[in-house]
PDB file of all heavy atoms in Angstrom:
ATOM      1  N   CYS A   1     -27.258  -6.016  -5.211  1.00  0.00           N
ATOM      2  CA  CYS A   1     -27.566  -4.681  -4.934  1.00  0.00           C
ATOM      3  C   CYS A   1     -27.243  -4.146  -3.591  1.00  0.00           C
ATOM      4  O   CYS A   1     -27.618  -2.996  -3.280  1.00  0.00           O
ATOM      5  CB  CYS A   1     -29.119  -4.457  -5.249  1.00  0.00           C
ATOM      6  SG  CYS A   1     -29.676  -4.834  -6.915  1.00  0.00           S
ATOM      7  N   SER A   2     -26.542  -4.928  -2.917  1.00  0.00           N
ATOM      8  CA  SER A   2     -26.005  -4.418  -1.537  1.00  0.00           C
ATOM      9  C   SER A   2     -24.735  -5.343  -1.251  1.00  0.00           C
ATOM     10  O   SER A   2     -24.559  -6.379  -1.929  1.00  0.00           O
ATOM     11  CB  SER A   2     -26.936  -4.540  -0.457  1.00  0.00           C
ATOM     12  OG  SER A   2     -27.307  -5.851  -0.041  1.00  0.00           O
ATOM     13  N   VAL A   3     -23.926  -4.914  -0.174  1.00  0.00           N
ATOM     14  CA  VAL A   3     -22.806  -5.681   0.068  1.00  0.00           C
ATOM     15  C   VAL A   3     -22.629  -5.652   1.672  1.00  0.00           C
ATOM     16  O   VAL A   3     -22.836  -4.553   2.192  1.00  0.00           O
ATOM     17  CB  VAL A   3     -21.521  -5.209  -0.648  1.00  0.00           C
ATOM     18  CG1 VAL A   3     -21.258  -3.735  -0.321  1.00  0.00           C
ATOM     19  CG2 VAL A   3     -20.348  -6.127  -0.249  1.00  0.00           C
ATOM     20  N   ALA A   4     -22.422  -6.770   2.277  1.00  0.00           N
ATOM     21  CA  ALA A   4     -22.289  -6.796   3.597  1.00  0.00           C
ATOM     22  C   ALA A   4     -20.835  -7.313   3.968  1.00  0.00           C
ATOM     23  O   ALA A   4     -20.300  -8.157   3.249  1.00  0.00           O
ATOM     24  CB  ALA A   4     -23.195  -7.736   4.311  1.00  0.00           C
ATOM     25  N   VAL A   5     -20.114  -6.641   5.055  1.00  0.00           N
ATOM     26  CA  VAL A   5     -18.864  -7.159   5.466  1.00  0.00           C
ATOM     27  C   VAL A   5     -19.039  -7.704   6.887  1.00  0.00           C
ATOM     28  O   VAL A   5     -19.538  -6.947   7.737  1.00  0.00           O
ATOM     29  CB  VAL A   5     -17.878  -5.993   5.452  1.00  0.00           C
ATOM     30  CG1 VAL A   5     -16.521  -6.485   6.002  1.00  0.00           C
ATOM     31  CG2 VAL A   5     -17.810  -5.482   4.118  1.00  0.00           C
ATOM     32  N   HIS A   6     -18.682  -8.993   7.089  1.00  0.00           N
ATOM     33  CA  HIS A   6     -18.926  -9.634   8.372  1.00  0.00           C
ATOM     34  C   HIS A   6     -17.535  -9.765   9.074  1.00  0.00           C
ATOM     35  O   HIS A   6     -16.633 -10.216   8.415  1.00  0.00           O
ATOM     36  CB  HIS A   6     -19.489 -11.055   8.211  1.00  0.00           C
ATOM     37  CG  HIS A   6     -20.957 -10.969   7.557  1.00  0.00           C
ATOM     38  ND1 HIS A   6     -22.081 -11.050   8.201  1.00  0.00           N
ATOM     39  CD2 HIS A   6     -21.253 -10.960   6.214  1.00  0.00           C
ATOM     40  CE1 HIS A   6     -23.127 -11.020   7.414  1.00  0.00           C
ATOM     41  NE2 HIS A   6     -22.593 -10.962   6.203  1.00  0.00           N
ATOM     42  N   TRP A   7     -17.585  -9.477  10.405  1.00  0.00           N
ATOM     43  CA  TRP A   7     -16.285  -9.685  11.149  1.00  0.00           C
ATOM     44  C   TRP A   7     -16.460 -10.365  12.445  1.00  0.00           C
ATOM     45  O   TRP A   7     -15.784 -10.281  13.335  1.00  0.00           O
ATOM     46  CB  TRP A   7     -15.532  -8.307  11.326  1.00  0.00           C
ATOM     47  CG  TRP A   7     -16.298  -7.269  11.837  1.00  0.00           C
ATOM     48  CD1 TRP A   7     -16.602  -7.083  13.201  1.00  0.00           C
ATOM     49  CD2 TRP A   7     -17.113  -6.144  11.247  1.00  0.00           C
ATOM     50  NE1 TRP A   7     -17.419  -5.974  13.360  1.00  0.00           N
ATOM     51  CE2 TRP A   7     -17.630  -5.430  12.177  1.00  0.00           C
ATOM     52  CE3 TRP A   7     -17.267  -5.793   9.889  1.00  0.00           C
ATOM     53  CZ2 TRP A   7     -18.474  -4.276  11.874  1.00  0.00           C
ATOM     54  CZ3 TRP A   7     -17.985  -4.722   9.536  1.00  0.00           C
ATOM     55  CH2 TRP A   7     -18.638  -3.993  10.623  1.00  0.00           C
ATOM     56  N   ARG A   8     -17.584 -11.166  12.610  1.00  0.00           N
ATOM     57  CA  ARG A   8     -17.849 -11.952  13.668  1.00  0.00           C
ATOM     58  C   ARG A   8     -16.723 -12.639  14.261  1.00  0.00           C
ATOM     59  O   ARG A   8     -16.460 -12.869  15.528  1.00  0.00           O
ATOM     60  CB  ARG A   8     -19.061 -12.794  13.597  1.00  0.00           C
ATOM     61  CG  ARG A   8     -19.607 -13.482  14.810  1.00  0.00           C
ATOM     62  CD  ARG A   8     -20.842 -14.199  14.587  1.00  0.00           C
ATOM     63  NE  ARG A   8     -21.878 -13.170  14.339  1.00  0.00           N
ATOM     64  CZ  ARG A   8     -22.549 -12.457  15.299  1.00  0.00           C
ATOM     65  NH1 ARG A   8     -22.291 -12.702  16.562  1.00  0.00           N
ATOM     66  NH2 ARG A   8     -23.451 -11.546  14.986  1.00  0.00           N
ATOM     67  N   LEU A   9     -15.984 -13.516  13.448  1.00  0.00           N
ATOM     68  CA  LEU A   9     -14.980 -14.330  13.760  1.00  0.00           C
ATOM     69  C   LEU A   9     -13.554 -13.723  13.791  1.00  0.00           C
ATOM     70  O   LEU A   9     -12.573 -14.457  14.018  1.00  0.00           O
ATOM     71  CB  LEU A   9     -14.913 -15.570  12.918  1.00  0.00           C
ATOM     72  CG  LEU A   9     -16.236 -16.430  12.883  1.00  0.00           C
ATOM     73  CD1 LEU A   9     -16.055 -17.483  11.954  1.00  0.00           C
ATOM     74  CD2 LEU A   9     -16.622 -16.903  14.252  1.00  0.00           C
ATOM     75  N   ALA A  10     -13.529 -12.501  13.401  1.00  0.00           N
ATOM     76  CA  ALA A  10     -12.161 -11.816  13.370  1.00  0.00           C
ATOM     77  C   ALA A  10     -11.556 -11.370  14.674  1.00  0.00           C
ATOM     78  O   ALA A  10     -12.331 -11.251  15.635  1.00  0.00           O
ATOM     79  CB  ALA A  10     -12.247 -10.595  12.324  1.00  0.00           C
ATOM     80  N   THR A  11     -10.247 -11.108  14.637  1.00  0.00           N
ATOM     81  CA  THR A  11      -9.658 -10.559  15.865  1.00  0.00           C
ATOM     82  C   THR A  11     -10.161  -9.167  16.025  1.00  0.00           C
ATOM     83  O   THR A  11     -10.547  -8.495  15.051  1.00  0.00           O
ATOM     84  CB  THR A  11      -8.144 -10.519  15.837  1.00  0.00           C
ATOM     85  OG1 THR A  11      -7.777  -9.719  14.691  1.00  0.00           O
ATOM     86  CG2 THR A  11      -7.602 -12.045  15.545  1.00  0.00           C
ATOM     87  N   PRO A  12     -10.063  -8.598  17.267  1.00  0.00           N
ATOM     88  CA  PRO A  12     -10.464  -7.213  17.490  1.00  0.00           C
ATOM     89  C   PRO A  12      -9.741  -6.234  16.548  1.00  0.00           C
ATOM     90  O   PRO A  12     -10.445  -5.330  16.032  1.00  0.00           O
ATOM     91  CB  PRO A  12     -10.123  -6.864  18.906  1.00  0.00           C
ATOM     92  CG  PRO A  12     -10.142  -8.250  19.567  1.00  0.00           C
ATOM     93  CD  PRO A  12      -9.739  -9.312  18.602  1.00  0.00           C
ATOM     94  N   SER A  13      -8.426  -6.475  16.247  1.00  0.00           N
ATOM     95  CA  SER A  13      -7.722  -5.536  15.414  1.00  0.00           C
ATOM     96  C   SER A  13      -8.308  -5.627  13.964  1.00  0.00           C
ATOM     97  O   SER A  13      -8.667  -4.670  13.233  1.00  0.00           O
ATOM     98  CB  SER A  13      -6.269  -5.930  15.309  1.00  0.00           C
ATOM     99  OG  SER A  13      -5.531  -5.137  14.450  1.00  0.00           O
ATOM    100  N   ASP A  14      -8.572  -6.932  13.474  1.00  0.00           N
ATOM    101  CA  ASP A  14      -8.983  -7.037  12.022  1.00  0.00           C
ATOM    102  C   ASP A  14     -10.452  -6.671  11.954  1.00  0.00           C
ATOM    103  O   ASP A  14     -10.846  -6.110  10.922  1.00  0.00           O
ATOM    104  CB  ASP A  14      -8.805  -8.499  11.545  1.00  0.00           C
ATOM    105  CG  ASP A  14      -7.456  -8.772  11.172  1.00  0.00           C
ATOM    106  OD1 ASP A  14      -6.653  -7.858  11.246  1.00  0.00           O
ATOM    107  OD2 ASP A  14      -7.166 -10.003  10.776  1.00  0.00           O
ATOM    108  N   ALA A  15     -11.179  -6.796  13.049  1.00  0.00           N
ATOM    109  CA  ALA A  15     -12.573  -6.371  13.062  1.00  0.00           C
ATOM    110  C   ALA A  15     -12.638  -4.823  12.876  1.00  0.00           C
ATOM    111  O   ALA A  15     -13.537  -4.246  12.208  1.00  0.00           O
ATOM    112  CB  ALA A  15     -13.352  -6.709  14.305  1.00  0.00           C
ATOM    113  N   GLY A  16     -11.825  -4.114  13.534  1.00  0.00           N
ATOM    114  CA  GLY A  16     -11.755  -2.668  13.504  1.00  0.00           C
ATOM    115  C   GLY A  16     -11.452  -2.262  12.022  1.00  0.00           C
ATOM    116  O   GLY A  16     -11.933  -1.311  11.599  1.00  0.00           O
ATOM    117  N   LYS A  17     -10.432  -2.973  11.387  1.00  0.00           N
ATOM    118  CA  LYS A  17     -10.044  -2.610  10.137  1.00  0.00           C
ATOM    119  C   LYS A  17     -11.112  -2.876   9.145  1.00  0.00           C
ATOM    120  O   LYS A  17     -11.398  -2.107   8.173  1.00  0.00           O
ATOM    121  CB  LYS A  17      -8.831  -3.386   9.635  1.00  0.00           C
ATOM    122  CG  LYS A  17      -7.531  -3.010  10.523  1.00  0.00           C
ATOM    123  CD  LYS A  17      -6.408  -3.990  10.099  1.00  0.00           C
ATOM    124  CE  LYS A  17      -5.110  -3.581  10.977  1.00  0.00           C
ATOM    125  NZ  LYS A  17      -3.983  -4.497  10.753  1.00  0.00           N
ATOM    126  N   ALA A  18     -11.935  -3.905   9.342  1.00  0.00           N
ATOM    127  CA  ALA A  18     -13.066  -4.195   8.429  1.00  0.00           C
ATOM    128  C   ALA A  18     -14.095  -3.234   8.471  1.00  0.00           C
ATOM    129  O   ALA A  18     -14.722  -2.713   7.610  1.00  0.00           O
ATOM    130  CB  ALA A  18     -13.547  -5.631   8.792  1.00  0.00           C
ATOM    131  N   GLN A  19     -14.531  -2.868   9.784  1.00  0.00           N
ATOM    132  CA  GLN A  19     -15.385  -1.782   9.889  1.00  0.00           C
ATOM    133  C   GLN A  19     -15.034  -0.434   9.270  1.00  0.00           C
ATOM    134  O   GLN A  19     -15.807   0.181   8.644  1.00  0.00           O
ATOM    135  CB  GLN A  19     -15.722  -1.574  11.401  1.00  0.00           C
ATOM    136  CG  GLN A  19     -16.909  -0.566  11.615  1.00  0.00           C
ATOM    137  CD  GLN A  19     -17.390  -0.434  13.064  1.00  0.00           C
ATOM    138  OE1 GLN A  19     -17.266  -1.452  13.904  1.00  0.00           O
ATOM    139  NE2 GLN A  19     -18.035   0.576  13.469  1.00  0.00           N
ATOM    140  N   ALA A  20     -13.762  -0.094   9.535  1.00  0.00           N
ATOM    141  CA  ALA A  20     -13.148   1.078   8.881  1.00  0.00           C
ATOM    142  C   ALA A  20     -13.213   1.047   7.416  1.00  0.00           C
ATOM    143  O   ALA A  20     -13.543   2.025   6.711  1.00  0.00           O
ATOM    144  CB  ALA A  20     -11.800   1.438   9.316  1.00  0.00           C
ATOM    145  N   ALA A  21     -13.058  -0.107   6.736  1.00  0.00           N
ATOM    146  CA  ALA A  21     -13.104  -0.300   5.306  1.00  0.00           C
ATOM    147  C   ALA A  21     -14.434  -0.146   4.761  1.00  0.00           C
ATOM    148  O   ALA A  21     -14.738   0.647   3.797  1.00  0.00           O
ATOM    149  CB  ALA A  21     -12.558  -1.740   4.900  1.00  0.00           C
ATOM    150  N   VAL A  22     -15.435  -0.701   5.482  1.00  0.00           N
ATOM    151  CA  VAL A  22     -16.774  -0.548   4.896  1.00  0.00           C
ATOM    152  C   VAL A  22     -17.415   0.908   5.168  1.00  0.00           C
ATOM    153  O   VAL A  22     -18.197   1.350   4.329  1.00  0.00           O
ATOM    154  CB  VAL A  22     -17.811  -1.602   5.601  1.00  0.00           C
ATOM    155  CG1 VAL A  22     -18.009  -1.450   6.956  1.00  0.00           C
ATOM    156  CG2 VAL A  22     -18.985  -1.794   4.817  1.00  0.00           C
ATOM    157  N   GLU A  23     -16.960   1.458   6.272  1.00  0.00           N
ATOM    158  CA  GLU A  23     -17.386   2.882   6.484  1.00  0.00           C
ATOM    159  C   GLU A  23     -16.752   3.780   5.423  1.00  0.00           C
ATOM    160  O   GLU A  23     -17.456   4.616   4.836  1.00  0.00           O
ATOM    161  CB  GLU A  23     -16.969   3.267   7.825  1.00  0.00           C
ATOM    162  CG  GLU A  23     -17.757   2.738   9.041  1.00  0.00           C
ATOM    163  CD  GLU A  23     -17.224   3.060  10.308  1.00  0.00           C
ATOM    164  OE1 GLU A  23     -16.044   3.466  10.415  1.00  0.00           O
ATOM    165  OE2 GLU A  23     -17.936   2.853  11.339  1.00  0.00           O
ATOM    166  N   GLY A  24     -15.495   3.563   5.099  1.00  0.00           N
ATOM    167  CA  GLY A  24     -14.852   4.328   4.003  1.00  0.00           C
ATOM    168  C   GLY A  24     -15.456   4.161   2.664  1.00  0.00           C
ATOM    169  O   GLY A  24     -15.737   5.063   1.896  1.00  0.00           O
ATOM    170  N   ALA A  25     -15.892   2.850   2.380  1.00  0.00           N
ATOM    171  CA  ALA A  25     -16.526   2.501   1.163  1.00  0.00           C
ATOM    172  C   ALA A  25     -17.868   3.303   1.053  1.00  0.00           C
ATOM    173  O   ALA A  25     -18.197   3.814  -0.037  1.00  0.00           O
ATOM    174  CB  ALA A  25     -16.656   1.133   0.994  1.00  0.00           C
TER     175      ALA A  25
END
């Protein structure tokens, strides 16, 4: 009933893309 996207171990570039993806969703 919810979904979390974690980017603790990601590079700064991929972390930014992950955050943008969850914000867009």
